[in-house]
Amino acid sequence: MIRIKRIYEQVAEEDGFRILVDRLWPRGLSKEKAKVDLWMKEVAPSGELRKWFSHDPAKWAEFKKKYEKELVAKQPLLKEIRRMEKDKGTVTLLYSARDVEHNNAVALKAVLEK
């Protein structure tokens, strides 16, 4: 099972293996408090795409398309996440954006579940 969760939320046992999928470390959060098992910044959107999107819901559909194109070149990382899901049972993709519906973890989860 692949889940998504804002990194600032309380850590829970049901999170399973926790992977931070943002390019930048979340502001104001220590590594100890974050309890991240793996920081996979390479799977995050490019800096250019992240800045263009700027968490604007009006750009969401286009962002998803562009991010999906970037992920084509990152198949080994996607396979690694799927392998972790099989090995660990539950993988939680962590993100720091305030918008729970329009962020890279939501888009990444959709790609992984295809």
PDB file of N, CA and C in Angstrom:
ATOM      1  N   MET A   1       0.838  -1.173   0.000  1.00  0.00           N
ATOM      2  CA  MET A   1       0.000   0.000   0.000  1.00  0.00           C
ATOM      3  C   MET A   1       0.891   1.247   0.000  1.00  0.00           C
ATOM      4  N   ILE A   2       0.544   2.184  -0.847  1.00  0.00           N
ATOM      5  CA  ILE A   2       1.247   3.458  -0.890  1.00  0.00           C
ATOM      6  C   ILE A   2       0.315   4.523  -0.342  1.00  0.00           C
ATOM      7  N   ARG A   3       0.820   5.256   0.619  1.00  0.00           N
ATOM      8  CA  ARG A   3       0.060   6.326   1.245  1.00  0.00           C
ATOM      9  C   ARG A   3       0.803   7.637   1.034  1.00  0.00           C
ATOM     10  N   ILE A   4       0.119   8.747   1.272  1.00  0.00           N
ATOM     11  CA  ILE A   4       0.774  10.049   1.257  1.00  0.00           C
ATOM     12  C   ILE A   4       0.424  10.763   2.554  1.00  0.00           C
ATOM     13  N   LYS A   5       1.334  11.622   2.981  1.00  0.00           N
ATOM     14  CA  LYS A   5       1.134  12.307   4.258  1.00  0.00           C
ATOM     15  C   LYS A   5       2.010  13.548   4.304  1.00  0.00           C
ATOM     16  N   ARG A   6       1.487  14.583   4.891  1.00  0.00           N
ATOM     17  CA  ARG A   6       2.277  15.800   5.089  1.00  0.00           C
ATOM     18  C   ARG A   6       3.298  15.513   6.185  1.00  0.00           C
ATOM     19  N   ILE A   7       4.530  15.866   5.944  1.00  0.00           N
ATOM     20  CA  ILE A   7       5.612  15.510   6.859  1.00  0.00           C
ATOM     21  C   ILE A   7       5.451  16.143   8.236  1.00  0.00           C
ATOM     22  N   TYR A   8       4.699  17.222   8.326  1.00  0.00           N
ATOM     23  CA  TYR A   8       4.504  17.900   9.609  1.00  0.00           C
ATOM     24  C   TYR A   8       3.457  17.199  10.490  1.00  0.00           C
ATOM     25  N   GLU A   9       2.750  16.218   9.943  1.00  0.00           N
ATOM     26  CA  GLU A   9       1.766  15.475  10.723  1.00  0.00           C
ATOM     27  C   GLU A   9       2.473  14.501  11.663  1.00  0.00           C
ATOM     28  N   GLN A  10       1.766  14.086  12.685  1.00  0.00           N
ATOM     29  CA  GLN A  10       2.292  13.145  13.675  1.00  0.00           C
ATOM     30  C   GLN A  10       2.728  11.837  13.005  1.00  0.00           C
ATOM     31  N   VAL A  11       3.882  11.337  13.385  1.00  0.00           N
ATOM     32  CA  VAL A  11       4.367  10.046  12.900  1.00  0.00           C
ATOM     33  C   VAL A  11       3.475   8.963  13.495  1.00  0.00           C
ATOM     34  N   ALA A  12       3.103   7.979  12.661  1.00  0.00           N
ATOM     35  CA  ALA A  12       2.239   6.893  13.121  1.00  0.00           C
ATOM     36  C   ALA A  12       2.823   5.556  12.692  1.00  0.00           C
ATOM     37  N   GLU A  13       2.546   4.528  13.457  1.00  0.00           N
ATOM     38  CA  GLU A  13       3.048   3.188  13.149  1.00  0.00           C
ATOM     39  C   GLU A  13       2.569   2.719  11.777  1.00  0.00           C
ATOM     40  N   GLU A  14       1.329   3.074  11.427  1.00  0.00           N
ATOM     41  CA  GLU A  14       0.778   2.636  10.145  1.00  0.00           C
ATOM     42  C   GLU A  14       1.411   3.325   8.939  1.00  0.00           C
ATOM     43  N   ASP A  15       2.308   4.300   9.172  1.00  0.00           N
ATOM     44  CA  ASP A  15       3.028   4.943   8.072  1.00  0.00           C
ATOM     45  C   ASP A  15       3.944   3.941   7.360  1.00  0.00           C
ATOM     46  N   GLY A  16       4.406   2.957   8.081  1.00  0.00           N
ATOM     47  CA  GLY A  16       5.332   2.004   7.487  1.00  0.00           C
ATOM     48  C   GLY A  16       6.653   2.671   7.161  1.00  0.00           C
ATOM     49  N   PHE A  17       7.167   2.416   5.961  1.00  0.00           N
ATOM     50  CA  PHE A  17       8.433   2.977   5.507  1.00  0.00           C
ATOM     51  C   PHE A  17       8.174   4.388   4.991  1.00  0.00           C
ATOM     52  N   ARG A  18       8.829   5.385   5.589  1.00  0.00           N
ATOM     53  CA  ARG A  18       8.562   6.799   5.285  1.00  0.00           C
ATOM     54  C   ARG A  18       9.616   7.355   4.323  1.00  0.00           C
ATOM     55  N   ILE A  19       9.138   7.825   3.158  1.00  0.00           N
ATOM     56  CA  ILE A  19      10.039   8.378   2.136  1.00  0.00           C
ATOM     57  C   ILE A  19       9.673   9.844   1.880  1.00  0.00           C
ATOM     58  N   LEU A  20      10.619  10.734   2.098  1.00  0.00           N
ATOM     59  CA  LEU A  20      10.435  12.143   1.761  1.00  0.00           C
ATOM     60  C   LEU A  20      10.686  12.298   0.272  1.00  0.00           C
ATOM     61  N   VAL A  21       9.702  12.833  -0.461  1.00  0.00           N
ATOM     62  CA  VAL A  21       9.808  12.936  -1.922  1.00  0.00           C
ATOM     63  C   VAL A  21       9.887  14.395  -2.387  1.00  0.00           C
ATOM     64  N   ASP A  22      10.372  15.272  -1.534  1.00  0.00           N
ATOM     65  CA  ASP A  22      10.595  16.678  -1.884  1.00  0.00           C
ATOM     66  C   ASP A  22      12.071  16.899  -2.176  1.00  0.00           C
ATOM     67  N   ARG A  23      12.348  17.849  -3.046  1.00  0.00           N
ATOM     68  CA  ARG A  23      13.727  18.181  -3.394  1.00  0.00           C
ATOM     69  C   ARG A  23      14.414  18.937  -2.251  1.00  0.00           C
ATOM     70  N   LEU A  24      13.640  19.753  -1.531  1.00  0.00           N
ATOM     71  CA  LEU A  24      14.184  20.568  -0.446  1.00  0.00           C
ATOM     72  C   LEU A  24      13.732  20.002   0.904  1.00  0.00           C
ATOM     73  N   TRP A  25      14.604  20.085   1.909  1.00  0.00           N
ATOM     74  CA  TRP A  25      14.241  19.628   3.251  1.00  0.00           C
ATOM     75  C   TRP A  25      13.190  20.577   3.820  1.00  0.00           C
ATOM     76  N   PRO A  26      12.162  20.058   4.502  1.00  0.00           N
ATOM     77  CA  PRO A  26      11.094  20.893   5.059  1.00  0.00           C
ATOM     78  C   PRO A  26      11.615  21.899   6.089  1.00  0.00           C
ATOM     79  N   ARG A  27      11.109  23.104   5.993  1.00  0.00           N
ATOM     80  CA  ARG A  27      11.534  24.175   6.889  1.00  0.00           C
ATOM     81  C   ARG A  27      11.153  23.869   8.337  1.00  0.00           C
ATOM     82  N   GLY A  28      12.079  24.182   9.220  1.00  0.00           N
ATOM     83  CA  GLY A  28      11.809  24.111  10.646  1.00  0.00           C
ATOM     84  C   GLY A  28      11.634  22.717  11.215  1.00  0.00           C
ATOM     85  N   LEU A  29      12.051  21.704  10.499  1.00  0.00           N
ATOM     86  CA  LEU A  29      11.855  20.326  10.950  1.00  0.00           C
ATOM     87  C   LEU A  29      13.203  19.623  11.047  1.00  0.00           C
ATOM     88  N   SER A  30      13.508  19.119  12.232  1.00  0.00           N
ATOM     89  CA  SER A  30      14.767  18.402  12.402  1.00  0.00           C
ATOM     90  C   SER A  30      14.656  17.007  11.799  1.00  0.00           C
ATOM     91  N   LYS A  31      15.783  16.439  11.463  1.00  0.00           N
ATOM     92  CA  LYS A  31      15.778  15.089  10.894  1.00  0.00           C
ATOM     93  C   LYS A  31      15.303  14.070  11.924  1.00  0.00           C
ATOM     94  N   GLU A  32      15.598  14.306  13.194  1.00  0.00           N
ATOM     95  CA  GLU A  32      15.152  13.398  14.241  1.00  0.00           C
ATOM     96  C   GLU A  32      13.624  13.408  14.359  1.00  0.00           C
ATOM     97  N   LYS A  33      13.043  14.596  14.342  1.00  0.00           N
ATOM     98  CA  LYS A  33      11.588  14.713  14.491  1.00  0.00           C
ATOM     99  C   LYS A  33      10.848  14.196  13.252  1.00  0.00           C
ATOM    100  N   ALA A  34      11.442  14.351  12.083  1.00  0.00           N
ATOM    101  CA  ALA A  34      10.797  13.938  10.828  1.00  0.00           C
ATOM    102  C   ALA A  34      10.673  12.421  10.715  1.00  0.00           C
ATOM    103  N   LYS A  35      11.604  11.698  11.311  1.00  0.00           N
ATOM    104  CA  LYS A  35      11.596  10.229  11.264  1.00  0.00           C
ATOM    105  C   LYS A  35      11.445   9.705   9.829  1.00  0.00           C
ATOM    106  N   VAL A  36      12.289  10.229   8.950  1.00  0.00           N
ATOM    107  CA  VAL A  36      12.296   9.826   7.546  1.00  0.00           C
ATOM    108  C   VAL A  36      13.229   8.623   7.394  1.00  0.00           C
ATOM    109  N   ASP A  37      12.730   7.566   6.761  1.00  0.00           N
ATOM    110  CA  ASP A  37      13.570   6.397   6.502  1.00  0.00           C
ATOM    111  C   ASP A  37      14.463   6.607   5.292  1.00  0.00           C
ATOM    112  N   LEU A  38      13.965   7.372   4.322  1.00  0.00           N
ATOM    113  CA  LEU A  38      14.714   7.622   3.099  1.00  0.00           C
ATOM    114  C   LEU A  38      14.305   8.974   2.521  1.00  0.00           C
ATOM    115  N   TRP A  39      15.286   9.787   2.157  1.00  0.00           N
ATOM    116  CA  TRP A  39      15.011  11.055   1.472  1.00  0.00           C
ATOM    117  C   TRP A  39      15.346  10.827   0.013  1.00  0.00           C
ATOM    118  N   MET A  40      14.321  10.706  -0.818  1.00  0.00           N
ATOM    119  CA  MET A  40      14.496  10.413  -2.232  1.00  0.00           C
ATOM    120  C   MET A  40      14.243  11.694  -3.038  1.00  0.00           C
ATOM    121  N   LYS A  41      15.138  12.665  -2.882  1.00  0.00           N
ATOM    122  CA  LYS A  41      14.948  13.954  -3.554  1.00  0.00           C
ATOM    123  C   LYS A  41      15.067  13.855  -5.069  1.00  0.00           C
ATOM    124  N   GLU A  42      15.726  12.797  -5.549  1.00  0.00           N
ATOM    125  CA  GLU A  42      15.898  12.631  -6.991  1.00  0.00           C
ATOM    126  C   GLU A  42      14.578  12.363  -7.710  1.00  0.00           C
ATOM    127  N   VAL A  43      13.564  11.859  -6.989  1.00  0.00           N
ATOM    128  CA  VAL A  43      12.277  11.559  -7.606  1.00  0.00           C
ATOM    129  C   VAL A  43      11.350  12.792  -7.608  1.00  0.00           C
ATOM    130  N   ALA A  44      11.762  13.836  -6.922  1.00  0.00           N
ATOM    131  CA  ALA A  44      10.967  15.067  -6.861  1.00  0.00           C
ATOM    132  C   ALA A  44      10.980  15.781  -8.216  1.00  0.00           C
ATOM    133  N   PRO A  45      10.014  16.673  -8.430  1.00  0.00           N
ATOM    134  CA  PRO A  45      10.021  17.459  -9.672  1.00  0.00           C
ATOM    135  C   PRO A  45      11.307  18.288  -9.766  1.00  0.00           C
ATOM    136  N   SER A  46      11.725  18.570 -10.979  1.00  0.00           N
ATOM    137  CA  SER A  46      12.907  19.414 -11.183  1.00  0.00           C
ATOM    138  C   SER A  46      12.667  20.776 -10.532  1.00  0.00           C
ATOM    139  N   GLY A  47      13.754  21.445 -10.212  1.00  0.00           N
ATOM    140  CA  GLY A  47      13.635  22.781  -9.633  1.00  0.00           C
ATOM    141  C   GLY A  47      12.856  23.721 -10.538  1.00  0.00           C
ATOM    142  N   GLU A  48      13.097  23.600 -11.825  1.00  0.00           N
ATOM    143  CA  GLU A  48      12.401  24.444 -12.807  1.00  0.00           C
ATOM    144  C   GLU A  48      10.888  24.196 -12.768  1.00  0.00           C
ATOM    145  N   LEU A  49      10.491  22.926 -12.763  1.00  0.00           N
ATOM    146  CA  LEU A  49       9.064  22.589 -12.735  1.00  0.00           C
ATOM    147  C   LEU A  49       8.431  23.005 -11.408  1.00  0.00           C
ATOM    148  N   ARG A  50       9.143  22.775 -10.318  1.00  0.00           N
ATOM    149  CA  ARG A  50       8.635  23.141  -8.995  1.00  0.00           C
ATOM    150  C   ARG A  50       8.376  24.643  -8.907  1.00  0.00           C
ATOM    151  N   LYS A  51       9.324  25.431  -9.400  1.00  0.00           N
ATOM    152  CA  LYS A  51       9.164  26.890  -9.370  1.00  0.00           C
ATOM    153  C   LYS A  51       8.041  27.349 -10.289  1.00  0.00           C
ATOM    154  N   TRP A  52       7.926  26.732 -11.461  1.00  0.00           N
ATOM    155  CA  TRP A  52       6.854  27.092 -12.391  1.00  0.00           C
ATOM    156  C   TRP A  52       5.486  26.815 -11.772  1.00  0.00           C
ATOM    157  N   PHE A  53       5.334  25.649 -11.165  1.00  0.00           N
ATOM    158  CA  PHE A  53       4.060  25.253 -10.571  1.00  0.00           C
ATOM    159  C   PHE A  53       3.697  26.162  -9.398  1.00  0.00           C
ATOM    160  N   SER A  54       4.628  26.402  -8.514  1.00  0.00           N
ATOM    161  CA  SER A  54       4.441  27.300  -7.374  1.00  0.00           C
ATOM    162  C   SER A  54       3.156  26.993  -6.598  1.00  0.00           C
ATOM    163  N   HIS A  55       2.764  25.737  -6.572  1.00  0.00           N
ATOM    164  CA  HIS A  55       1.568  25.261  -5.852  1.00  0.00           C
ATOM    165  C   HIS A  55       0.298  26.027  -6.236  1.00  0.00           C
ATOM    166  N   ASP A  56       0.206  26.365  -7.521  1.00  0.00           N
ATOM    167  CA  ASP A  56      -0.973  27.063  -8.052  1.00  0.00           C
ATOM    168  C   ASP A  56      -1.961  26.010  -8.567  1.00  0.00           C
ATOM    169  N   PRO A  57      -3.106  25.836  -7.895  1.00  0.00           N
ATOM    170  CA  PRO A  57      -4.076  24.821  -8.330  1.00  0.00           C
ATOM    171  C   PRO A  57      -4.512  24.976  -9.787  1.00  0.00           C
ATOM    172  N   ALA A  58      -4.467  26.189 -10.328  1.00  0.00           N
ATOM    173  CA  ALA A  58      -4.850  26.408 -11.723  1.00  0.00           C
ATOM    174  C   ALA A  58      -3.864  25.725 -12.680  1.00  0.00           C
ATOM    175  N   LYS A  59      -2.652  25.454 -12.222  1.00  0.00           N
ATOM    176  CA  LYS A  59      -1.626  24.813 -13.053  1.00  0.00           C
ATOM    177  C   LYS A  59      -1.534  23.301 -12.789  1.00  0.00           C
ATOM    178  N   TRP A  60      -2.399  22.773 -11.931  1.00  0.00           N
ATOM    179  CA  TRP A  60      -2.297  21.381 -11.489  1.00  0.00           C
ATOM    180  C   TRP A  60      -2.299  20.371 -12.636  1.00  0.00           C
ATOM    181  N   ALA A  61      -3.252  20.471 -13.543  1.00  0.00           N
ATOM    182  CA  ALA A  61      -3.352  19.495 -14.634  1.00  0.00           C
ATOM    183  C   ALA A  61      -2.082  19.502 -15.485  1.00  0.00           C
ATOM    184  N   GLU A  62      -1.587  20.669 -15.797  1.00  0.00           N
ATOM    185  CA  GLU A  62      -0.368  20.779 -16.600  1.00  0.00           C
ATOM    186  C   GLU A  62       0.855  20.303 -15.814  1.00  0.00           C
ATOM    187  N   PHE A  63       0.888  20.623 -14.526  1.00  0.00           N
ATOM    188  CA  PHE A  63       1.987  20.154 -13.675  1.00  0.00           C
ATOM    189  C   PHE A  63       2.066  18.631 -13.678  1.00  0.00           C
ATOM    190  N   LYS A  64       0.930  17.973 -13.508  1.00  0.00           N
ATOM    191  CA  LYS A  64       0.912  16.508 -13.488  1.00  0.00           C
ATOM    192  C   LYS A  64       1.472  15.930 -14.781  1.00  0.00           C
ATOM    193  N   LYS A  65       1.081  16.499 -15.921  1.00  0.00           N
ATOM    194  CA  LYS A  65       1.587  16.020 -17.211  1.00  0.00           C
ATOM    195  C   LYS A  65       3.098  16.191 -17.313  1.00  0.00           C
ATOM    196  N   LYS A  66       3.573  17.374 -16.938  1.00  0.00           N
ATOM    197  CA  LYS A  66       5.010  17.660 -17.036  1.00  0.00           C
ATOM    198  C   LYS A  66       5.809  16.786 -16.064  1.00  0.00           C
ATOM    199  N   TYR A  67       5.281  16.597 -14.873  1.00  0.00           N
ATOM    200  CA  TYR A  67       5.972  15.777 -13.879  1.00  0.00           C
ATOM    201  C   TYR A  67       6.005  14.313 -14.321  1.00  0.00           C
ATOM    202  N   GLU A  68       4.907  13.854 -14.893  1.00  0.00           N
ATOM    203  CA  GLU A  68       4.861  12.476 -15.400  1.00  0.00           C
ATOM    204  C   GLU A  68       5.932  12.271 -16.485  1.00  0.00           C
ATOM    205  N   LYS A  69       6.123  13.265 -17.332  1.00  0.00           N
ATOM    206  CA  LYS A  69       7.177  13.184 -18.359  1.00  0.00           C
ATOM    207  C   LYS A  69       8.555  13.105 -17.711  1.00  0.00           C
ATOM    208  N   GLU A  70       8.777  13.887 -16.653  1.00  0.00           N
ATOM    209  CA  GLU A  70      10.063  13.823 -15.956  1.00  0.00           C
ATOM    210  C   GLU A  70      10.279  12.438 -15.330  1.00  0.00           C
ATOM    211  N   LEU A  71       9.205  11.850 -14.834  1.00  0.00           N
ATOM    212  CA  LEU A  71       9.312  10.554 -14.163  1.00  0.00           C
ATOM    213  C   LEU A  71       9.659   9.410 -15.121  1.00  0.00           C
ATOM    214  N   VAL A  72       9.435   9.586 -16.401  1.00  0.00           N
ATOM    215  CA  VAL A  72       9.792   8.559 -17.387  1.00  0.00           C
ATOM    216  C   VAL A  72      11.287   8.255 -17.293  1.00  0.00           C
ATOM    217  N   ALA A  73      12.080   9.277 -17.073  1.00  0.00           N
ATOM    218  CA  ALA A  73      13.526   9.097 -16.972  1.00  0.00           C
ATOM    219  C   ALA A  73      13.974   8.599 -15.594  1.00  0.00           C
ATOM    220  N   LYS A  74      13.034   8.472 -14.692  1.00  0.00           N
ATOM    221  CA  LYS A  74      13.357   8.073 -13.320  1.00  0.00           C
ATOM    222  C   LYS A  74      12.761   6.714 -12.964  1.00  0.00           C
ATOM    223  N   GLN A  75      12.617   5.854 -13.964  1.00  0.00           N
ATOM    224  CA  GLN A  75      12.015   4.530 -13.743  1.00  0.00           C
ATOM    225  C   GLN A  75      12.731   3.700 -12.676  1.00  0.00           C
ATOM    226  N   PRO A  76      14.059   3.736 -12.594  1.00  0.00           N
ATOM    227  CA  PRO A  76      14.713   2.955 -11.541  1.00  0.00           C
ATOM    228  C   PRO A  76      14.266   3.376 -10.127  1.00  0.00           C
ATOM    229  N   LEU A  77      14.024   4.664  -9.944  1.00  0.00           N
ATOM    230  CA  LEU A  77      13.551   5.145  -8.642  1.00  0.00           C
ATOM    231  C   LEU A  77      12.130   4.672  -8.359  1.00  0.00           C
ATOM    232  N   LEU A  78      11.290   4.695  -9.387  1.00  0.00           N
ATOM    233  CA  LEU A  78       9.915   4.222  -9.223  1.00  0.00           C
ATOM    234  C   LEU A  78       9.904   2.731  -8.890  1.00  0.00           C
ATOM    235  N   LYS A  79      10.766   1.973  -9.553  1.00  0.00           N
ATOM    236  CA  LYS A  79      10.872   0.540  -9.269  1.00  0.00           C
ATOM    237  C   LYS A  79      11.335   0.303  -7.836  1.00  0.00           C
ATOM    238  N   GLU A  80      12.236   1.154  -7.366  1.00  0.00           N
ATOM    239  CA  GLU A  80      12.728   1.026  -5.995  1.00  0.00           C
ATOM    240  C   GLU A  80      11.592   1.265  -4.986  1.00  0.00           C
ATOM    241  N   ILE A  81      10.759   2.259  -5.248  1.00  0.00           N
ATOM    242  CA  ILE A  81       9.619   2.523  -4.359  1.00  0.00           C
ATOM    243  C   ILE A  81       8.661   1.333  -4.371  1.00  0.00           C
ATOM    244  N   ARG A  82       8.380   0.792  -5.553  1.00  0.00           N
ATOM    245  CA  ARG A  82       7.487  -0.374  -5.645  1.00  0.00           C
ATOM    246  C   ARG A  82       8.077  -1.587  -4.913  1.00  0.00           C
ATOM    247  N   ARG A  83       9.394  -1.755  -5.022  1.00  0.00           N
ATOM    248  CA  ARG A  83      10.062  -2.858  -4.328  1.00  0.00           C
ATOM    249  C   ARG A  83       9.944  -2.679  -2.814  1.00  0.00           C
ATOM    250  N   MET A  84      10.121  -1.449  -2.352  1.00  0.00           N
ATOM    251  CA  MET A  84       9.982  -1.175  -0.921  1.00  0.00           C
ATOM    252  C   MET A  84       8.565  -1.459  -0.443  1.00  0.00           C
ATOM    253  N   GLU A  85       7.601  -1.148  -1.290  1.00  0.00           N
ATOM    254  CA  GLU A  85       6.202  -1.427  -0.940  1.00  0.00           C
ATOM    255  C   GLU A  85       6.012  -2.931  -0.738  1.00  0.00           C
ATOM    256  N   LYS A  86       6.573  -3.729  -1.637  1.00  0.00           N
ATOM    257  CA  LYS A  86       6.463  -5.195  -1.516  1.00  0.00           C
ATOM    258  C   LYS A  86       7.194  -5.696  -0.277  1.00  0.00           C
ATOM    259  N   ASP A  87       8.374  -5.149  -0.017  1.00  0.00           N
ATOM    260  CA  ASP A  87       9.190  -5.589   1.116  1.00  0.00           C
ATOM    261  C   ASP A  87       8.643  -5.123   2.461  1.00  0.00           C
ATOM    262  N   LYS A  88       8.167  -3.896   2.521  1.00  0.00           N
ATOM    263  CA  LYS A  88       7.770  -3.281   3.796  1.00  0.00           C
ATOM    264  C   LYS A  88       6.266  -3.337   4.057  1.00  0.00           C
ATOM    265  N   GLY A  89       5.476  -3.556   3.005  1.00  0.00           N
ATOM    266  CA  GLY A  89       4.021  -3.586   3.175  1.00  0.00           C
ATOM    267  C   GLY A  89       3.386  -2.236   2.922  1.00  0.00           C
ATOM    268  N   THR A  90       3.791  -1.242   3.692  1.00  0.00           N
ATOM    269  CA  THR A  90       3.253   0.104   3.520  1.00  0.00           C
ATOM    270  C   THR A  90       4.403   1.088   3.333  1.00  0.00           C
ATOM    271  N   VAL A  91       4.251   1.951   2.337  1.00  0.00           N
ATOM    272  CA  VAL A  91       5.195   3.030   2.087  1.00  0.00           C
ATOM    273  C   VAL A  91       4.401   4.324   2.131  1.00  0.00           C
ATOM    274  N   THR A  92       4.892   5.292   2.893  1.00  0.00           N
ATOM    275  CA  THR A  92       4.245   6.593   2.958  1.00  0.00           C
ATOM    276  C   THR A  92       5.149   7.621   2.290  1.00  0.00           C
ATOM    277  N   LEU A  93       4.608   8.268   1.262  1.00  0.00           N
ATOM    278  CA  LEU A  93       5.312   9.342   0.561  1.00  0.00           C
ATOM    279  C   LEU A  93       5.058  10.634   1.322  1.00  0.00           C
ATOM    280  N   LEU A  94       6.113  11.249   1.795  1.00  0.00           N
ATOM    281  CA  LEU A  94       6.004  12.461   2.600  1.00  0.00           C
ATOM    282  C   LEU A  94       6.286  13.696   1.759  1.00  0.00           C
ATOM    283  N   TYR A  95       5.522  14.750   2.009  1.00  0.00           N
ATOM    284  CA  TYR A  95       5.678  16.023   1.310  1.00  0.00           C
ATOM    285  C   TYR A  95       5.502  17.144   2.324  1.00  0.00           C
ATOM    286  N   SER A  96       5.928  18.341   1.977  1.00  0.00           N
ATOM    287  CA  SER A  96       5.810  19.459   2.912  1.00  0.00           C
ATOM    288  C   SER A  96       4.807  20.526   2.486  1.00  0.00           C
ATOM    289  N   ALA A  97       4.293  20.452   1.287  1.00  0.00           N
ATOM    290  CA  ALA A  97       3.358  21.470   0.789  1.00  0.00           C
ATOM    291  C   ALA A  97       2.125  21.576   1.681  1.00  0.00           C
ATOM    292  N   ARG A  98       1.569  22.759   1.764  1.00  0.00           N
ATOM    293  CA  ARG A  98       0.351  22.968   2.563  1.00  0.00           C
ATOM    294  C   ARG A  98      -0.880  22.392   1.868  1.00  0.00           C
ATOM    295  N   ASP A  99      -0.883  22.439   0.558  1.00  0.00           N
ATOM    296  CA  ASP A  99      -2.030  21.968  -0.221  1.00  0.00           C
ATOM    297  C   ASP A  99      -1.998  20.438  -0.286  1.00  0.00           C
ATOM    298  N   VAL A 100      -2.984  19.802   0.337  1.00  0.00           N
ATOM    299  CA  VAL A 100      -2.990  18.338   0.412  1.00  0.00           C
ATOM    300  C   VAL A 100      -3.483  17.674  -0.869  1.00  0.00           C
ATOM    301  N   GLU A 101      -4.084  18.428  -1.774  1.00  0.00           N
ATOM    302  CA  GLU A 101      -4.628  17.870  -3.013  1.00  0.00           C
ATOM    303  C   GLU A 101      -3.742  18.118  -4.226  1.00  0.00           C
ATOM    304  N   HIS A 102      -2.936  19.167  -4.193  1.00  0.00           N
ATOM    305  CA  HIS A 102      -2.140  19.575  -5.344  1.00  0.00           C
ATOM    306  C   HIS A 102      -0.662  19.639  -4.957  1.00  0.00           C
ATOM    307  N   ASN A 103      -0.016  18.479  -4.918  1.00  0.00           N
ATOM    308  CA  ASN A 103       1.409  18.438  -4.588  1.00  0.00           C
ATOM    309  C   ASN A 103       2.054  17.249  -5.297  1.00  0.00           C
ATOM    310  N   ASN A 104       3.369  17.233  -5.314  1.00  0.00           N
ATOM    311  CA  ASN A 104       4.090  16.204  -6.062  1.00  0.00           C
ATOM    312  C   ASN A 104       3.861  14.795  -5.526  1.00  0.00           C
ATOM    313  N   ALA A 105       3.616  14.640  -4.230  1.00  0.00           N
ATOM    314  CA  ALA A 105       3.380  13.298  -3.682  1.00  0.00           C
ATOM    315  C   ALA A 105       2.072  12.716  -4.222  1.00  0.00           C
ATOM    316  N   VAL A 106       1.051  13.539  -4.374  1.00  0.00           N
ATOM    317  CA  VAL A 106      -0.226  13.086  -4.949  1.00  0.00           C
ATOM    318  C   VAL A 106      -0.004  12.622  -6.384  1.00  0.00           C
ATOM    319  N   ALA A 107       0.729  13.420  -7.148  1.00  0.00           N
ATOM    320  CA  ALA A 107       0.993  13.073  -8.552  1.00  0.00           C
ATOM    321  C   ALA A 107       1.865  11.819  -8.647  1.00  0.00           C
ATOM    322  N   LEU A 108       2.857  11.701  -7.795  1.00  0.00           N
ATOM    323  CA  LEU A 108       3.745  10.549  -7.790  1.00  0.00           C
ATOM    324  C   LEU A 108       2.981   9.277  -7.431  1.00  0.00           C
ATOM    325  N   LYS A 109       2.133   9.352  -6.449  1.00  0.00           N
ATOM    326  CA  LYS A 109       1.327   8.190  -6.036  1.00  0.00           C
ATOM    327  C   LYS A 109       0.460   7.709  -7.204  1.00  0.00           C
ATOM    328  N   ALA A 110      -0.135   8.645  -7.931  1.00  0.00           N
ATOM    329  CA  ALA A 110      -0.976   8.295  -9.077  1.00  0.00           C
ATOM    330  C   ALA A 110      -0.154   7.544 -10.137  1.00  0.00           C
ATOM    331  N   VAL A 111       1.059   7.994 -10.389  1.00  0.00           N
ATOM    332  CA  VAL A 111       1.933   7.345 -11.363  1.00  0.00           C
ATOM    333  C   VAL A 111       2.303   5.947 -10.873  1.00  0.00           C
ATOM    334  N   LEU A 112       2.643   5.816  -9.612  1.00  0.00           N
ATOM    335  CA  LEU A 112       3.034   4.519  -9.052  1.00  0.00           C
ATOM    336  C   LEU A 112       1.894   3.509  -9.086  1.00  0.00           C
ATOM    337  N   GLU A 113       0.674   3.995  -8.997  1.00  0.00           N
ATOM    338  CA  GLU A 113      -0.488   3.087  -8.954  1.00  0.00           C
ATOM    339  C   GLU A 113      -1.019   2.734 -10.334  1.00  0.00           C
ATOM    340  N   LYS A 114      -0.439   3.286 -11.384  1.00  0.00           N
ATOM    341  CA  LYS A 114      -0.872   2.952 -12.747  1.00  0.00           C
ATOM    342  C   LYS A 114      -0.453   1.543 -13.098  1.00  0.00           C
TER     343      LYS A 114
END
